[in-house]
Amino acid sequence: MNLDFSIVLKNLPLLLHGAEWTVMLTISSLIVGTIIGLVACFGRLLGGGLLSWISTGYVELFRTLPEMVTIFWIYYCFPFAFDLSLSPTGSGIVALSLFAGAVLAEVFRAGIEAVPLGQIQAAKSLGLSEFRIWYSVILPQALRLMIPAFILVVADLVKMSGLLSAIGVSELVYEASILSENSFRYFEFFTVIGIVYFIIIFPTSLAARRLDARFVAQRT
């Protein structure tokens, strides 16, 4: 097999365009997913009522469904069900945001519930207001516990953005697929983007694991 990686360099602008879209999709989905996750987390913490039931159903649904099913349903079925068409990019952001929101809701809830109850009771006994308890006692500790899992969600979104090539979103995998089909240089293009994903995701996952280990060691 004759390898020619120079073709990758010749088409680098298109690959960089795809990489830019990958970053944009990840950031957009993370922002929207964080907002959804905060609302769902609040609903889950209520422990009862309509919002709690809706939040629980939402989290369980989108943590169970395969990401590709969600992407295809939003793109192909959502316009039919609600008479509202979305662009491939819009459909992709919605699908990734729904997944991110479901996972982040559990990340936020786990971080908050991990704060020792004794500290909260001690703060109440000192006469601190509810706002002060959240601001000074709960959130500082919960945020530290959330950081490693939050970083892993970012890494997952980067990986899942590649699935959006199936509906024609021109991110990195899509651009590599088109270039491979036109040049029949599948090995070169997919080897390079595989390396790119590894360079982005492996250090991110490693940093998350190390942070998690450090926080666990500090608490023991």
N, C-alpha and C. Protein backbone atom coordinates (compact mmCIF):
# COMPACT_ATOMS: atom_id res chain seq x y z
N MET A 1 0.84 -1.19 0.00
CA MET A 1 0.00 0.00 0.00
C MET A 1 0.88 1.24 0.00
N ASN A 2 0.64 2.11 -0.97
CA ASN A 2 1.40 3.36 -1.06
C ASN A 2 0.68 4.45 -0.28
N LEU A 3 1.34 4.93 0.74
CA LEU A 3 0.75 5.98 1.57
C LEU A 3 1.22 7.34 1.09
N ASP A 4 0.30 8.28 1.15
CA ASP A 4 0.62 9.65 0.73
C ASP A 4 -0.08 10.63 1.66
N PHE A 5 0.60 10.97 2.75
CA PHE A 5 0.01 11.88 3.72
C PHE A 5 0.08 13.34 3.27
N SER A 6 0.76 13.59 2.15
CA SER A 6 0.81 14.96 1.65
C SER A 6 -0.57 15.46 1.23
N ILE A 7 -1.45 14.51 0.87
CA ILE A 7 -2.80 14.91 0.48
C ILE A 7 -3.56 15.50 1.66
N VAL A 8 -3.21 15.06 2.86
CA VAL A 8 -3.83 15.64 4.06
C VAL A 8 -3.42 17.10 4.20
N LEU A 9 -2.13 17.39 3.98
CA LEU A 9 -1.65 18.77 4.05
C LEU A 9 -2.29 19.63 2.98
N LYS A 10 -2.49 19.07 1.80
CA LYS A 10 -3.11 19.84 0.72
C LYS A 10 -4.55 20.24 1.06
N ASN A 11 -5.22 19.41 1.81
CA ASN A 11 -6.62 19.66 2.18
C ASN A 11 -6.77 20.14 3.62
N LEU A 12 -5.68 20.61 4.20
CA LEU A 12 -5.70 21.05 5.59
C LEU A 12 -6.73 22.14 5.87
N PRO A 13 -6.92 23.13 4.97
CA PRO A 13 -7.94 24.15 5.25
C PRO A 13 -9.33 23.57 5.47
N LEU A 14 -9.71 22.55 4.70
CA LEU A 14 -11.03 21.93 4.88
C LEU A 14 -11.10 21.18 6.21
N LEU A 15 -10.02 20.51 6.57
CA LEU A 15 -10.00 19.81 7.86
C LEU A 15 -10.05 20.78 9.02
N LEU A 16 -9.36 21.90 8.89
CA LEU A 16 -9.41 22.93 9.94
C LEU A 16 -10.80 23.53 10.06
N HIS A 17 -11.47 23.67 8.89
CA HIS A 17 -12.86 24.13 8.93
C HIS A 17 -13.74 23.14 9.70
N GLY A 18 -13.51 21.86 9.45
CA GLY A 18 -14.26 20.84 10.19
C GLY A 18 -13.94 20.86 11.66
N ALA A 19 -12.67 21.10 12.00
CA ALA A 19 -12.27 21.17 13.41
C ALA A 19 -12.92 22.37 14.10
N GLU A 20 -13.02 23.47 13.39
CA GLU A 20 -13.69 24.65 13.95
C GLU A 20 -15.15 24.36 14.26
N TRP A 21 -15.81 23.64 13.35
CA TRP A 21 -17.20 23.27 13.59
C TRP A 21 -17.33 22.30 14.76
N THR A 22 -16.37 21.41 14.90
CA THR A 22 -16.38 20.49 16.04
C THR A 22 -16.30 21.26 17.35
N VAL A 23 -15.42 22.25 17.41
CA VAL A 23 -15.29 23.08 18.61
C VAL A 23 -16.57 23.87 18.86
N MET A 24 -17.14 24.45 17.80
CA MET A 24 -18.36 25.23 17.94
C MET A 24 -19.51 24.37 18.44
N LEU A 25 -19.65 23.18 17.87
CA LEU A 25 -20.72 22.27 18.29
C LEU A 25 -20.55 21.86 19.75
N THR A 26 -19.32 21.59 20.15
CA THR A 26 -19.05 21.19 21.52
C THR A 26 -19.38 22.31 22.51
N ILE A 27 -18.91 23.51 22.21
CA ILE A 27 -19.15 24.64 23.11
C ILE A 27 -20.64 24.97 23.19
N SER A 28 -21.31 25.03 22.05
CA SER A 28 -22.74 25.35 22.03
C SER A 28 -23.55 24.32 22.81
N SER A 29 -23.26 23.05 22.57
CA SER A 29 -23.98 21.98 23.26
C SER A 29 -23.69 22.00 24.76
N LEU A 30 -22.46 22.33 25.11
CA LEU A 30 -22.09 22.38 26.53
C LEU A 30 -22.82 23.50 27.24
N ILE A 31 -22.92 24.67 26.61
CA ILE A 31 -23.61 25.80 27.23
C ILE A 31 -25.09 25.49 27.43
N VAL A 32 -25.74 25.03 26.35
CA VAL A 32 -27.17 24.71 26.45
C VAL A 32 -27.40 23.54 27.40
N GLY A 33 -26.54 22.53 27.31
CA GLY A 33 -26.67 21.37 28.18
C GLY A 33 -26.48 21.71 29.65
N THR A 34 -25.59 22.66 29.94
CA THR A 34 -25.38 23.08 31.32
C THR A 34 -26.64 23.74 31.89
N ILE A 35 -27.27 24.59 31.08
CA ILE A 35 -28.52 25.24 31.53
C ILE A 35 -29.60 24.20 31.78
N ILE A 36 -29.76 23.28 30.82
CA ILE A 36 -30.76 22.21 30.99
C ILE A 36 -30.42 21.36 32.22
N GLY A 37 -29.14 21.04 32.38
CA GLY A 37 -28.71 20.21 33.50
C GLY A 37 -28.99 20.86 34.85
N LEU A 38 -28.79 22.17 34.94
CA LEU A 38 -29.07 22.88 36.19
C LEU A 38 -30.55 22.82 36.54
N VAL A 39 -31.41 23.02 35.54
CA VAL A 39 -32.85 22.95 35.78
C VAL A 39 -33.26 21.53 36.19
N ALA A 40 -32.75 20.53 35.47
CA ALA A 40 -33.08 19.14 35.78
C ALA A 40 -32.53 18.74 37.15
N CYS A 41 -31.35 19.23 37.48
CA CYS A 41 -30.77 18.94 38.80
C CYS A 41 -31.66 19.51 39.90
N PHE A 42 -32.10 20.75 39.72
CA PHE A 42 -32.99 21.37 40.71
C PHE A 42 -34.27 20.54 40.87
N GLY A 43 -34.82 20.09 39.73
CA GLY A 43 -36.02 19.27 39.81
C GLY A 43 -35.79 17.96 40.53
N ARG A 44 -34.64 17.34 40.28
CA ARG A 44 -34.32 16.07 40.94
C ARG A 44 -34.14 16.27 42.45
N LEU A 45 -33.56 17.40 42.85
CA LEU A 45 -33.32 17.65 44.26
C LEU A 45 -34.60 17.94 45.03
N LEU A 46 -35.66 18.35 44.32
CA LEU A 46 -36.93 18.63 44.99
C LEU A 46 -37.51 17.37 45.63
N GLY A 47 -37.29 16.23 44.98
CA GLY A 47 -37.73 14.96 45.55
C GLY A 47 -39.21 14.67 45.39
N GLY A 48 -39.95 15.52 44.72
CA GLY A 48 -41.38 15.30 44.51
C GLY A 48 -41.98 16.45 43.72
N GLY A 49 -43.19 16.25 43.20
CA GLY A 49 -43.84 17.29 42.43
C GLY A 49 -43.64 17.09 40.93
N LEU A 50 -44.32 17.93 40.16
CA LEU A 50 -44.31 17.79 38.70
C LEU A 50 -42.92 17.98 38.11
N LEU A 51 -42.20 19.03 38.56
CA LEU A 51 -40.87 19.28 38.02
C LEU A 51 -39.93 18.13 38.32
N SER A 52 -40.07 17.54 39.48
CA SER A 52 -39.23 16.40 39.85
C SER A 52 -39.50 15.21 38.95
N TRP A 53 -40.77 14.94 38.67
CA TRP A 53 -41.12 13.82 37.80
C TRP A 53 -40.62 14.06 36.37
N ILE A 54 -40.80 15.28 35.88
CA ILE A 54 -40.34 15.61 34.52
C ILE A 54 -38.82 15.49 34.44
N SER A 55 -38.13 16.02 35.44
CA SER A 55 -36.66 15.98 35.44
C SER A 55 -36.15 14.55 35.49
N THR A 56 -36.76 13.72 36.34
CA THR A 56 -36.34 12.32 36.44
C THR A 56 -36.58 11.58 35.13
N GLY A 57 -37.76 11.80 34.53
CA GLY A 57 -38.06 11.15 33.26
C GLY A 57 -37.10 11.58 32.16
N TYR A 58 -36.80 12.87 32.13
CA TYR A 58 -35.88 13.39 31.12
C TYR A 58 -34.49 12.78 31.28
N VAL A 59 -33.97 12.78 32.50
CA VAL A 59 -32.63 12.25 32.75
C VAL A 59 -32.55 10.78 32.39
N GLU A 60 -33.52 10.01 32.84
CA GLU A 60 -33.50 8.57 32.56
C GLU A 60 -33.63 8.28 31.06
N LEU A 61 -34.47 9.07 30.37
CA LEU A 61 -34.68 8.84 28.94
C LEU A 61 -33.41 9.08 28.14
N PHE A 62 -32.78 10.24 28.34
CA PHE A 62 -31.65 10.60 27.49
C PHE A 62 -30.33 9.99 27.95
N ARG A 63 -30.30 9.42 29.14
CA ARG A 63 -29.12 8.64 29.53
C ARG A 63 -29.24 7.21 29.04
N THR A 64 -30.43 6.81 28.63
CA THR A 64 -30.67 5.44 28.16
C THR A 64 -30.60 5.34 26.63
N LEU A 65 -31.16 6.32 25.94
CA LEU A 65 -31.20 6.26 24.48
C LEU A 65 -29.80 6.34 23.88
N PRO A 66 -29.52 5.54 22.86
CA PRO A 66 -28.27 5.71 22.11
C PRO A 66 -28.22 7.10 21.48
N GLU A 67 -27.04 7.70 21.49
CA GLU A 67 -26.92 9.06 20.97
C GLU A 67 -27.36 9.16 19.52
N MET A 68 -27.04 8.14 18.71
CA MET A 68 -27.41 8.18 17.30
C MET A 68 -28.92 8.17 17.11
N VAL A 69 -29.62 7.44 17.95
CA VAL A 69 -31.09 7.43 17.87
C VAL A 69 -31.64 8.82 18.16
N THR A 70 -31.09 9.48 19.16
CA THR A 70 -31.53 10.84 19.49
C THR A 70 -31.26 11.79 18.33
N ILE A 71 -30.08 11.69 17.75
CA ILE A 71 -29.71 12.57 16.63
C ILE A 71 -30.66 12.37 15.45
N PHE A 72 -30.90 11.10 15.08
CA PHE A 72 -31.78 10.83 13.95
C PHE A 72 -33.21 11.25 14.25
N TRP A 73 -33.66 11.04 15.50
CA TRP A 73 -35.04 11.39 15.84
C TRP A 73 -35.24 12.90 15.75
N ILE A 74 -34.30 13.65 16.29
CA ILE A 74 -34.42 15.11 16.24
C ILE A 74 -34.40 15.61 14.80
N TYR A 75 -33.56 15.00 13.97
CA TYR A 75 -33.40 15.49 12.60
C TYR A 75 -34.55 15.04 11.69
N TYR A 76 -34.95 13.77 11.80
CA TYR A 76 -35.94 13.23 10.87
C TYR A 76 -37.37 13.25 11.42
N CYS A 77 -37.52 13.00 12.72
CA CYS A 77 -38.87 12.84 13.28
C CYS A 77 -39.43 14.11 13.90
N PHE A 78 -38.56 14.94 14.47
CA PHE A 78 -39.03 16.17 15.12
C PHE A 78 -39.82 17.06 14.16
N PRO A 79 -39.35 17.30 12.92
CA PRO A 79 -40.13 18.13 12.00
C PRO A 79 -41.51 17.53 11.68
N PHE A 80 -41.57 16.20 11.58
CA PHE A 80 -42.83 15.53 11.30
C PHE A 80 -43.79 15.63 12.48
N ALA A 81 -43.25 15.48 13.70
CA ALA A 81 -44.10 15.47 14.89
C ALA A 81 -44.58 16.86 15.28
N PHE A 82 -43.74 17.88 15.08
CA PHE A 82 -44.07 19.22 15.57
C PHE A 82 -44.16 20.27 14.46
N ASP A 83 -44.09 19.83 13.20
CA ASP A 83 -44.19 20.74 12.06
C ASP A 83 -43.19 21.89 12.18
N LEU A 84 -41.99 21.55 12.55
CA LEU A 84 -40.93 22.55 12.72
C LEU A 84 -39.61 21.94 12.25
N SER A 85 -39.09 22.44 11.16
CA SER A 85 -37.87 21.86 10.60
C SER A 85 -36.64 22.52 11.22
N LEU A 86 -35.62 21.73 11.43
CA LEU A 86 -34.35 22.21 11.96
C LEU A 86 -33.25 21.89 10.96
N SER A 87 -32.26 22.76 10.89
CA SER A 87 -31.11 22.50 10.04
C SER A 87 -30.30 21.34 10.62
N PRO A 88 -29.44 20.73 9.85
CA PRO A 88 -28.59 19.68 10.42
C PRO A 88 -27.80 20.17 11.63
N THR A 89 -27.25 21.38 11.53
CA THR A 89 -26.49 21.92 12.66
C THR A 89 -27.39 22.13 13.88
N GLY A 90 -28.57 22.72 13.67
CA GLY A 90 -29.50 22.93 14.77
C GLY A 90 -29.93 21.63 15.41
N SER A 91 -30.22 20.62 14.56
CA SER A 91 -30.62 19.31 15.08
C SER A 91 -29.49 18.70 15.90
N GLY A 92 -28.26 18.84 15.41
CA GLY A 92 -27.11 18.28 16.13
C GLY A 92 -26.91 18.93 17.48
N ILE A 93 -27.02 20.24 17.52
CA ILE A 93 -26.84 20.94 18.80
C ILE A 93 -27.93 20.56 19.79
N VAL A 94 -29.16 20.47 19.31
CA VAL A 94 -30.26 20.06 20.19
C VAL A 94 -30.02 18.66 20.74
N ALA A 95 -29.64 17.73 19.88
CA ALA A 95 -29.43 16.34 20.31
C ALA A 95 -28.29 16.24 21.32
N LEU A 96 -27.16 16.88 21.02
CA LEU A 96 -26.03 16.83 21.95
C LEU A 96 -26.34 17.55 23.26
N SER A 97 -27.10 18.63 23.18
CA SER A 97 -27.47 19.38 24.39
C SER A 97 -28.36 18.55 25.30
N LEU A 98 -29.29 17.81 24.70
CA LEU A 98 -30.18 16.96 25.50
C LEU A 98 -29.39 15.87 26.21
N PHE A 99 -28.43 15.29 25.51
CA PHE A 99 -27.57 14.29 26.15
C PHE A 99 -26.74 14.92 27.26
N ALA A 100 -26.10 16.04 26.95
CA ALA A 100 -25.24 16.71 27.94
C ALA A 100 -26.05 17.13 29.16
N GLY A 101 -27.26 17.65 28.93
CA GLY A 101 -28.09 18.09 30.05
C GLY A 101 -28.45 16.95 30.99
N ALA A 102 -28.75 15.78 30.42
CA ALA A 102 -29.11 14.63 31.25
C ALA A 102 -27.93 14.17 32.09
N VAL A 103 -26.75 14.12 31.48
CA VAL A 103 -25.56 13.67 32.22
C VAL A 103 -25.14 14.71 33.25
N LEU A 104 -25.16 15.98 32.86
CA LEU A 104 -24.73 17.04 33.78
C LEU A 104 -25.69 17.19 34.95
N ALA A 105 -26.96 16.92 34.73
CA ALA A 105 -27.92 16.97 35.84
C ALA A 105 -27.50 16.03 36.95
N GLU A 106 -27.05 14.83 36.58
CA GLU A 106 -26.59 13.86 37.56
C GLU A 106 -25.24 14.25 38.15
N VAL A 107 -24.38 14.87 37.34
CA VAL A 107 -23.09 15.35 37.85
C VAL A 107 -23.33 16.41 38.92
N PHE A 108 -24.20 17.37 38.62
CA PHE A 108 -24.49 18.44 39.57
C PHE A 108 -25.15 17.90 40.84
N ARG A 109 -26.10 17.00 40.65
CA ARG A 109 -26.81 16.44 41.81
C ARG A 109 -25.87 15.65 42.71
N ALA A 110 -25.00 14.84 42.08
CA ALA A 110 -24.06 14.04 42.87
C ALA A 110 -23.10 14.93 43.64
N GLY A 111 -22.65 16.02 43.02
CA GLY A 111 -21.73 16.93 43.70
C GLY A 111 -22.37 17.60 44.89
N ILE A 112 -23.61 18.03 44.73
CA ILE A 112 -24.32 18.70 45.83
C ILE A 112 -24.61 17.73 46.97
N GLU A 113 -25.07 16.52 46.61
CA GLU A 113 -25.43 15.55 47.65
C GLU A 113 -24.21 14.96 48.34
N ALA A 114 -23.02 15.15 47.75
CA ALA A 114 -21.80 14.63 48.38
C ALA A 114 -21.30 15.53 49.50
N VAL A 115 -21.82 16.75 49.59
CA VAL A 115 -21.42 17.65 50.68
C VAL A 115 -21.97 17.07 51.98
N PRO A 116 -21.13 16.87 53.00
CA PRO A 116 -21.59 16.26 54.25
C PRO A 116 -22.77 17.02 54.87
N LEU A 117 -23.79 16.27 55.24
CA LEU A 117 -24.99 16.88 55.82
C LEU A 117 -24.66 17.59 57.13
N GLY A 118 -23.67 17.08 57.86
CA GLY A 118 -23.31 17.70 59.13
C GLY A 118 -22.85 19.14 58.97
N GLN A 119 -22.15 19.43 57.87
CA GLN A 119 -21.70 20.79 57.63
C GLN A 119 -22.87 21.73 57.37
N ILE A 120 -23.86 21.24 56.65
CA ILE A 120 -25.04 22.05 56.37
C ILE A 120 -25.82 22.31 57.66
N GLN A 121 -25.95 21.29 58.48
CA GLN A 121 -26.66 21.45 59.76
C GLN A 121 -25.91 22.40 60.68
N ALA A 122 -24.57 22.32 60.64
CA ALA A 122 -23.77 23.24 61.47
C ALA A 122 -23.95 24.68 61.02
N ALA A 123 -24.01 24.89 59.70
CA ALA A 123 -24.21 26.24 59.17
C ALA A 123 -25.58 26.78 59.56
N LYS A 124 -26.59 25.92 59.56
CA LYS A 124 -27.92 26.35 59.99
C LYS A 124 -27.95 26.70 61.47
N SER A 125 -27.23 25.91 62.27
CA SER A 125 -27.20 26.18 63.71
C SER A 125 -26.51 27.50 64.03
N LEU A 126 -25.64 27.96 63.12
CA LEU A 126 -24.98 29.26 63.30
C LEU A 126 -25.85 30.42 62.84
N GLY A 127 -27.01 30.09 62.32
CA GLY A 127 -27.94 31.13 61.91
C GLY A 127 -27.70 31.68 60.52
N LEU A 128 -26.93 30.97 59.68
CA LEU A 128 -26.68 31.44 58.33
C LEU A 128 -27.94 31.32 57.48
N SER A 129 -28.14 32.27 56.60
CA SER A 129 -29.29 32.23 55.70
C SER A 129 -29.12 31.10 54.68
N GLU A 130 -30.23 30.73 54.02
CA GLU A 130 -30.18 29.67 53.02
C GLU A 130 -29.22 30.04 51.89
N PHE A 131 -29.27 31.31 51.47
CA PHE A 131 -28.37 31.76 50.40
C PHE A 131 -26.92 31.64 50.84
N ARG A 132 -26.62 32.05 52.07
CA ARG A 132 -25.24 32.00 52.56
C ARG A 132 -24.75 30.56 52.69
N ILE A 133 -25.64 29.67 53.08
CA ILE A 133 -25.26 28.26 53.20
C ILE A 133 -24.88 27.71 51.83
N TRP A 134 -25.70 28.02 50.82
CA TRP A 134 -25.38 27.56 49.47
C TRP A 134 -24.10 28.19 48.96
N TYR A 135 -23.95 29.49 49.17
CA TYR A 135 -22.82 30.24 48.62
C TYR A 135 -21.51 29.90 49.31
N SER A 136 -21.56 29.72 50.64
CA SER A 136 -20.32 29.57 51.41
C SER A 136 -19.99 28.13 51.77
N VAL A 137 -21.00 27.26 51.82
CA VAL A 137 -20.77 25.90 52.32
C VAL A 137 -20.95 24.85 51.21
N ILE A 138 -22.09 24.86 50.54
CA ILE A 138 -22.43 23.79 49.61
C ILE A 138 -21.69 23.93 48.28
N LEU A 139 -21.86 25.08 47.62
CA LEU A 139 -21.32 25.23 46.26
C LEU A 139 -19.79 25.12 46.18
N PRO A 140 -19.02 25.75 47.09
CA PRO A 140 -17.55 25.61 46.96
C PRO A 140 -17.08 24.16 46.98
N GLN A 141 -17.68 23.35 47.84
CA GLN A 141 -17.28 21.94 47.91
C GLN A 141 -17.85 21.14 46.75
N ALA A 142 -19.11 21.43 46.39
CA ALA A 142 -19.76 20.68 45.31
C ALA A 142 -19.06 20.92 43.98
N LEU A 143 -18.66 22.17 43.73
CA LEU A 143 -18.01 22.49 42.46
C LEU A 143 -16.70 21.72 42.28
N ARG A 144 -15.94 21.61 43.35
CA ARG A 144 -14.68 20.85 43.28
C ARG A 144 -14.94 19.39 42.92
N LEU A 145 -16.01 18.85 43.47
CA LEU A 145 -16.34 17.45 43.19
C LEU A 145 -16.88 17.27 41.77
N MET A 146 -17.49 18.31 41.22
CA MET A 146 -18.09 18.23 39.89
C MET A 146 -17.06 18.35 38.77
N ILE A 147 -15.96 19.03 39.02
CA ILE A 147 -15.01 19.38 37.95
C ILE A 147 -14.53 18.17 37.15
N PRO A 148 -14.05 17.09 37.79
CA PRO A 148 -13.57 15.94 36.99
C PRO A 148 -14.64 15.36 36.07
N ALA A 149 -15.86 15.18 36.61
CA ALA A 149 -16.94 14.61 35.79
C ALA A 149 -17.35 15.58 34.69
N PHE A 150 -17.32 16.87 34.98
CA PHE A 150 -17.66 17.88 33.97
C PHE A 150 -16.68 17.83 32.81
N ILE A 151 -15.40 17.67 33.13
CA ILE A 151 -14.37 17.58 32.08
C ILE A 151 -14.60 16.36 31.21
N LEU A 152 -14.99 15.24 31.81
CA LEU A 152 -15.26 14.03 31.03
C LEU A 152 -16.46 14.22 30.11
N VAL A 153 -17.45 14.99 30.54
CA VAL A 153 -18.60 15.28 29.68
C VAL A 153 -18.15 16.07 28.46
N VAL A 154 -17.24 17.02 28.66
CA VAL A 154 -16.69 17.79 27.53
C VAL A 154 -16.02 16.85 26.53
N ALA A 155 -15.21 15.92 27.05
CA ALA A 155 -14.53 14.95 26.18
C ALA A 155 -15.54 14.10 25.42
N ASP A 156 -16.61 13.68 26.09
CA ASP A 156 -17.64 12.88 25.42
C ASP A 156 -18.33 13.68 24.31
N LEU A 157 -18.57 14.97 24.55
CA LEU A 157 -19.22 15.80 23.53
C LEU A 157 -18.33 15.95 22.29
N VAL A 158 -17.02 16.07 22.52
CA VAL A 158 -16.10 16.16 21.39
C VAL A 158 -16.20 14.89 20.55
N LYS A 159 -16.22 13.73 21.21
CA LYS A 159 -16.33 12.47 20.48
C LYS A 159 -17.67 12.35 19.77
N MET A 160 -18.74 12.69 20.47
CA MET A 160 -20.07 12.51 19.90
C MET A 160 -20.36 13.48 18.77
N SER A 161 -19.65 14.60 18.72
CA SER A 161 -19.86 15.55 17.62
C SER A 161 -19.58 14.86 16.27
N GLY A 162 -18.71 13.86 16.27
CA GLY A 162 -18.43 13.13 15.04
C GLY A 162 -19.63 12.38 14.51
N LEU A 163 -20.58 12.03 15.38
CA LEU A 163 -21.79 11.33 14.94
C LEU A 163 -22.66 12.21 14.06
N LEU A 164 -22.50 13.52 14.19
CA LEU A 164 -23.35 14.44 13.43
C LEU A 164 -23.01 14.43 11.94
N SER A 165 -21.90 13.80 11.58
CA SER A 165 -21.59 13.66 10.15
C SER A 165 -22.67 12.85 9.45
N ALA A 166 -23.38 12.00 10.20
CA ALA A 166 -24.43 11.16 9.62
C ALA A 166 -25.61 11.97 9.10
N ILE A 167 -25.78 13.20 9.61
CA ILE A 167 -26.88 14.05 9.12
C ILE A 167 -26.34 15.24 8.33
N GLY A 168 -25.07 15.19 7.97
CA GLY A 168 -24.52 16.19 7.06
C GLY A 168 -23.96 17.43 7.70
N VAL A 169 -23.66 17.38 9.00
CA VAL A 169 -23.02 18.53 9.65
C VAL A 169 -21.54 18.50 9.30
N SER A 170 -21.01 19.61 8.82
CA SER A 170 -19.65 19.62 8.26
C SER A 170 -18.58 19.78 9.34
N GLU A 171 -18.60 18.85 10.31
CA GLU A 171 -17.54 18.86 11.32
C GLU A 171 -16.37 18.01 10.83
N LEU A 172 -15.46 17.69 11.72
CA LEU A 172 -14.20 17.08 11.31
C LEU A 172 -14.37 15.73 10.62
N VAL A 173 -15.20 14.85 11.18
CA VAL A 173 -15.40 13.53 10.59
C VAL A 173 -16.06 13.64 9.22
N TYR A 174 -17.01 14.54 9.09
CA TYR A 174 -17.70 14.74 7.81
C TYR A 174 -16.72 15.19 6.73
N GLU A 175 -15.89 16.17 7.06
CA GLU A 175 -14.93 16.67 6.08
C GLU A 175 -13.94 15.56 5.68
N ALA A 176 -13.49 14.79 6.67
CA ALA A 176 -12.57 13.69 6.37
C ALA A 176 -13.23 12.64 5.50
N SER A 177 -14.52 12.39 5.74
CA SER A 177 -15.24 11.40 4.93
C SER A 177 -15.36 11.85 3.48
N ILE A 178 -15.71 13.11 3.28
CA ILE A 178 -15.85 13.63 1.92
C ILE A 178 -14.50 13.60 1.19
N LEU A 179 -13.46 14.05 1.86
CA LEU A 179 -12.14 14.05 1.24
C LEU A 179 -11.65 12.64 0.94
N SER A 180 -11.95 11.70 1.82
CA SER A 180 -11.56 10.30 1.61
C SER A 180 -12.26 9.70 0.41
N GLU A 181 -13.58 9.99 0.30
CA GLU A 181 -14.35 9.45 -0.82
C GLU A 181 -13.86 10.02 -2.16
N ASN A 182 -13.47 11.28 -2.15
CA ASN A 182 -13.02 11.91 -3.40
C ASN A 182 -11.62 11.45 -3.83
N SER A 183 -10.79 11.11 -2.84
CA SER A 183 -9.40 10.77 -3.16
C SER A 183 -9.09 9.28 -2.96
N PHE A 184 -10.01 8.53 -2.34
CA PHE A 184 -9.79 7.12 -1.99
C PHE A 184 -8.58 6.97 -1.05
N ARG A 185 -8.33 8.00 -0.26
CA ARG A 185 -7.23 7.95 0.72
C ARG A 185 -7.83 7.88 2.13
N TYR A 186 -8.59 6.81 2.37
CA TYR A 186 -9.25 6.65 3.66
C TYR A 186 -8.24 6.49 4.79
N PHE A 187 -7.21 5.72 4.56
CA PHE A 187 -6.23 5.44 5.60
C PHE A 187 -5.58 6.74 6.07
N GLU A 188 -5.15 7.56 5.15
CA GLU A 188 -4.44 8.78 5.52
C GLU A 188 -5.33 9.73 6.30
N PHE A 189 -6.54 9.98 5.79
CA PHE A 189 -7.40 10.98 6.43
C PHE A 189 -7.90 10.51 7.79
N PHE A 190 -8.35 9.26 7.87
CA PHE A 190 -8.91 8.81 9.14
C PHE A 190 -7.83 8.50 10.17
N THR A 191 -6.63 8.19 9.71
CA THR A 191 -5.52 8.06 10.65
C THR A 191 -5.19 9.40 11.28
N VAL A 192 -5.16 10.45 10.46
CA VAL A 192 -4.83 11.78 10.97
C VAL A 192 -5.90 12.30 11.93
N ILE A 193 -7.19 12.16 11.56
CA ILE A 193 -8.20 12.69 12.48
C ILE A 193 -8.31 11.83 13.74
N GLY A 194 -7.99 10.53 13.62
CA GLY A 194 -7.92 9.70 14.82
C GLY A 194 -6.86 10.21 15.78
N ILE A 195 -5.71 10.58 15.24
CA ILE A 195 -4.63 11.14 16.07
C ILE A 195 -5.07 12.46 16.69
N VAL A 196 -5.77 13.29 15.89
CA VAL A 196 -6.25 14.58 16.40
C VAL A 196 -7.20 14.39 17.58
N TYR A 197 -8.16 13.47 17.43
CA TYR A 197 -9.09 13.19 18.53
C TYR A 197 -8.35 12.67 19.76
N PHE A 198 -7.37 11.80 19.54
CA PHE A 198 -6.60 11.26 20.66
C PHE A 198 -5.85 12.37 21.39
N ILE A 199 -5.23 13.27 20.63
CA ILE A 199 -4.46 14.37 21.22
C ILE A 199 -5.37 15.28 22.06
N ILE A 200 -6.62 15.44 21.63
CA ILE A 200 -7.56 16.29 22.36
C ILE A 200 -8.14 15.58 23.57
N ILE A 201 -8.58 14.34 23.37
CA ILE A 201 -9.40 13.67 24.39
C ILE A 201 -8.57 12.97 25.45
N PHE A 202 -7.46 12.32 25.07
CA PHE A 202 -6.70 11.58 26.07
C PHE A 202 -6.16 12.48 27.19
N PRO A 203 -5.50 13.60 26.89
CA PRO A 203 -5.04 14.47 27.98
C PRO A 203 -6.19 15.00 28.83
N THR A 204 -7.34 15.26 28.17
CA THR A 204 -8.51 15.76 28.91
C THR A 204 -9.00 14.71 29.90
N SER A 205 -9.13 13.46 29.43
CA SER A 205 -9.58 12.39 30.32
C SER A 205 -8.57 12.11 31.42
N LEU A 206 -7.28 12.17 31.07
CA LEU A 206 -6.23 11.95 32.07
C LEU A 206 -6.27 13.02 33.16
N ALA A 207 -6.47 14.27 32.75
CA ALA A 207 -6.55 15.37 33.72
C ALA A 207 -7.74 15.18 34.64
N ALA A 208 -8.88 14.73 34.09
CA ALA A 208 -10.07 14.51 34.90
C ALA A 208 -9.83 13.41 35.93
N ARG A 209 -9.18 12.32 35.53
CA ARG A 209 -8.90 11.23 36.45
C ARG A 209 -7.94 11.67 37.56
N ARG A 210 -6.95 12.43 37.21
CA ARG A 210 -5.99 12.89 38.21
C ARG A 210 -6.63 13.86 39.20
N LEU A 211 -7.48 14.75 38.69
CA LEU A 211 -8.19 15.66 39.59
C LEU A 211 -9.10 14.89 40.53
N ASP A 212 -9.78 13.90 40.00
CA ASP A 212 -10.68 13.10 40.82
C ASP A 212 -9.90 12.36 41.91
N ALA A 213 -8.76 11.78 41.55
CA ALA A 213 -7.94 11.08 42.53
C ALA A 213 -7.42 12.03 43.60
N ARG A 214 -7.03 13.25 43.19
CA ARG A 214 -6.53 14.22 44.14
C ARG A 214 -7.61 14.66 45.12
N PHE A 215 -8.82 14.90 44.61
CA PHE A 215 -9.91 15.33 45.49
C PHE A 215 -10.31 14.22 46.46
N VAL A 216 -10.28 12.96 45.98
CA VAL A 216 -10.58 11.83 46.86
C VAL A 216 -9.54 11.72 47.95
N ALA A 217 -8.26 11.89 47.59
CA ALA A 217 -7.18 11.81 48.58
C ALA A 217 -7.29 12.92 49.61
N GLN A 218 -7.72 14.10 49.20
CA GLN A 218 -7.85 15.22 50.14
C GLN A 218 -8.99 15.02 51.12
N ARG A 219 -10.01 14.26 50.70
CA ARG A 219 -11.16 14.05 51.57
C ARG A 219 -10.96 12.90 52.55
N THR A 220 -9.93 12.03 52.29
CA THR A 220 -9.71 10.88 53.16
C THR A 220 -8.64 11.18 54.18
